[in-house]
Amino acid sequence: MPTLDLTKETFDDVVTGSEIVLIDFWAAWCGPCRVFGPVFEKAAERHPDIVFGKVDTEAQPELAAAFGISSIPTLMAVRDRTVLYAQPGALPPQALEELIGKLRAVDMDAVRREAAATARN
């Protein structure tokens, strides 16, 4: 599946309507972003069941600000509307594949129980 360009108008629908979403916050002027872009695109081809979205921080400054993006590229992983990963830096292909494997393996029921317990305290 090709990557999706996410905007403030489409972001919520994509994230709430998909089980796993990987989001690349990037900008055209950013060298590391240009290096990571093809890695992200190839992973999107290998994993058609995952939504791969891109947020151009220059065109969508409100989205970047909403997530506190201060360094790019930043990769964010959302599963079942829960952010499980958000880190700046361009990942090499193998590290991205490992992250995808870990995202698939997460016990989301356990994550929700832990979040509920934290919220009660």
Protein backbone atom coordinates (compact mmCIF):
# COMPACT_ATOMS: atom_id res chain seq x y z
CA MET A 1 0.00 0.00 0.00
CA PRO A 2 1.36 3.46 -0.81
CA THR A 3 1.94 5.94 1.96
CA LEU A 4 -0.77 8.48 2.75
CA ASP A 5 -0.19 12.20 3.10
CA LEU A 6 -1.85 13.09 6.40
CA THR A 7 -3.33 16.51 7.06
CA LYS A 8 -5.12 18.01 10.03
CA GLU A 9 -8.36 17.21 8.17
CA THR A 10 -7.57 13.51 7.58
CA PHE A 11 -5.37 12.60 10.55
CA ASP A 12 -8.06 11.60 13.07
CA ASP A 13 -10.05 9.51 10.57
CA VAL A 14 -6.96 7.58 9.49
CA VAL A 15 -5.70 6.94 13.02
CA THR A 16 -9.09 5.96 14.47
CA GLY A 17 -10.02 3.84 11.46
CA SER A 18 -6.86 1.71 11.34
CA GLU A 19 -5.43 -0.91 13.69
CA ILE A 20 -1.77 0.04 13.18
CA VAL A 21 -0.54 3.36 11.80
CA LEU A 22 3.08 4.41 11.37
CA ILE A 23 3.50 8.15 10.92
CA ASP A 24 6.61 9.82 9.53
CA PHE A 25 6.87 13.50 10.50
CA TRP A 26 9.22 15.01 7.92
CA ALA A 27 10.12 18.05 5.80
CA ALA A 28 11.52 18.35 2.29
CA TRP A 29 14.57 20.36 3.42
CA CYS A 30 15.61 17.70 5.97
CA GLY A 31 18.49 15.48 4.81
CA PRO A 32 17.81 12.61 7.24
CA CYS A 33 14.14 12.75 6.21
CA ARG A 34 15.12 12.25 2.58
CA VAL A 35 17.24 9.25 3.61
CA PHE A 36 14.45 7.71 5.71
CA GLY A 37 11.70 8.33 3.11
CA PRO A 38 12.60 5.40 0.81
CA VAL A 39 13.00 3.06 3.83
CA PHE A 40 9.51 4.04 4.98
CA GLU A 41 8.06 3.61 1.46
CA LYS A 42 9.57 0.12 1.05
CA ALA A 43 8.21 -0.95 4.44
CA ALA A 44 4.77 0.27 3.34
CA GLU A 45 5.01 -2.03 0.31
CA ARG A 46 5.98 -5.01 2.51
CA HIS A 47 3.21 -4.43 5.06
CA PRO A 48 -0.04 -3.63 3.20
CA ASP A 49 -2.09 -4.30 6.36
CA ILE A 50 -0.46 -1.33 8.13
CA VAL A 51 -1.22 2.29 7.28
CA PHE A 52 1.92 4.31 6.61
CA GLY A 53 1.23 8.03 6.81
CA LYS A 54 3.45 11.04 6.26
CA VAL A 55 3.03 14.45 7.85
CA ASP A 56 4.90 17.25 6.12
CA THR A 57 5.71 19.44 9.12
CA GLU A 58 6.08 22.51 6.88
CA ALA A 59 2.60 22.08 5.37
CA GLN A 60 0.98 20.83 8.60
CA PRO A 61 2.54 22.83 11.46
CA GLU A 62 -0.58 22.37 13.61
CA LEU A 63 -0.17 18.58 13.57
CA ALA A 64 3.52 18.81 14.34
CA ALA A 65 2.78 21.17 17.25
CA ALA A 66 -0.06 18.99 18.55
CA PHE A 67 2.39 16.10 18.97
CA GLY A 68 5.31 18.19 20.21
CA ILE A 69 7.47 17.38 17.21
CA SER A 70 10.68 19.33 17.66
CA SER A 71 13.08 17.15 15.66
CA ILE A 72 12.61 15.45 12.33
CA PRO A 73 12.30 12.89 11.12
CA THR A 74 10.16 11.61 13.96
CA LEU A 75 8.46 8.25 13.67
CA MET A 76 5.26 7.64 15.62
CA ALA A 77 3.51 4.28 15.90
CA VAL A 78 -0.15 4.09 16.85
CA ARG A 79 -2.03 0.88 17.50
CA ASP A 80 -5.73 0.84 18.40
CA ARG A 81 -5.63 4.66 18.82
CA THR A 82 -2.79 4.37 21.37
CA VAL A 83 0.66 5.86 20.74
CA LEU A 84 3.13 3.06 21.45
CA TYR A 85 6.26 4.64 19.99
CA ALA A 86 7.38 8.17 19.17
CA GLN A 87 11.06 8.87 18.62
CA PRO A 88 13.07 11.23 16.45
CA GLY A 89 15.70 9.84 14.11
CA ALA A 90 15.86 7.94 10.84
CA LEU A 91 15.66 4.20 11.40
CA PRO A 92 17.62 1.82 9.19
CA PRO A 93 15.48 -0.82 7.40
CA GLN A 94 16.17 -3.64 9.89
CA ALA A 95 15.31 -1.46 12.90
CA LEU A 96 12.03 -0.43 11.25
CA GLU A 97 11.19 -4.09 10.60
CA GLU A 98 11.96 -4.93 14.23
CA LEU A 99 9.71 -2.10 15.41
CA ILE A 100 6.88 -3.38 13.19
CA GLY A 101 7.30 -6.87 14.65
CA LYS A 102 7.15 -5.47 18.18
CA LEU A 103 4.04 -3.43 17.37
CA ARG A 104 2.29 -6.55 16.07
CA ALA A 105 3.25 -8.47 19.23
CA VAL A 106 1.96 -5.93 21.77
CA ASP A 107 -0.84 -7.23 24.01
CA MET A 108 -3.21 -4.29 23.67
CA ASP A 109 -5.50 -5.61 26.42
CA ALA A 110 -2.55 -5.39 28.81
CA VAL A 111 -1.77 -1.87 27.58
CA ARG A 112 -5.37 -0.78 28.20
CA ARG A 113 -5.38 -2.36 31.70
CA GLU A 114 -2.12 -0.59 32.57
CA ALA A 115 -3.46 2.74 31.27
CA ALA A 116 -6.66 2.32 33.28
CA ALA A 117 -4.67 1.50 36.43
CA THR A 118 -2.44 4.53 35.92
CA ALA A 119 -5.45 6.77 35.39
CA ARG A 120 -6.98 5.60 38.69
CA ASN A 121 -3.84 6.49 40.66
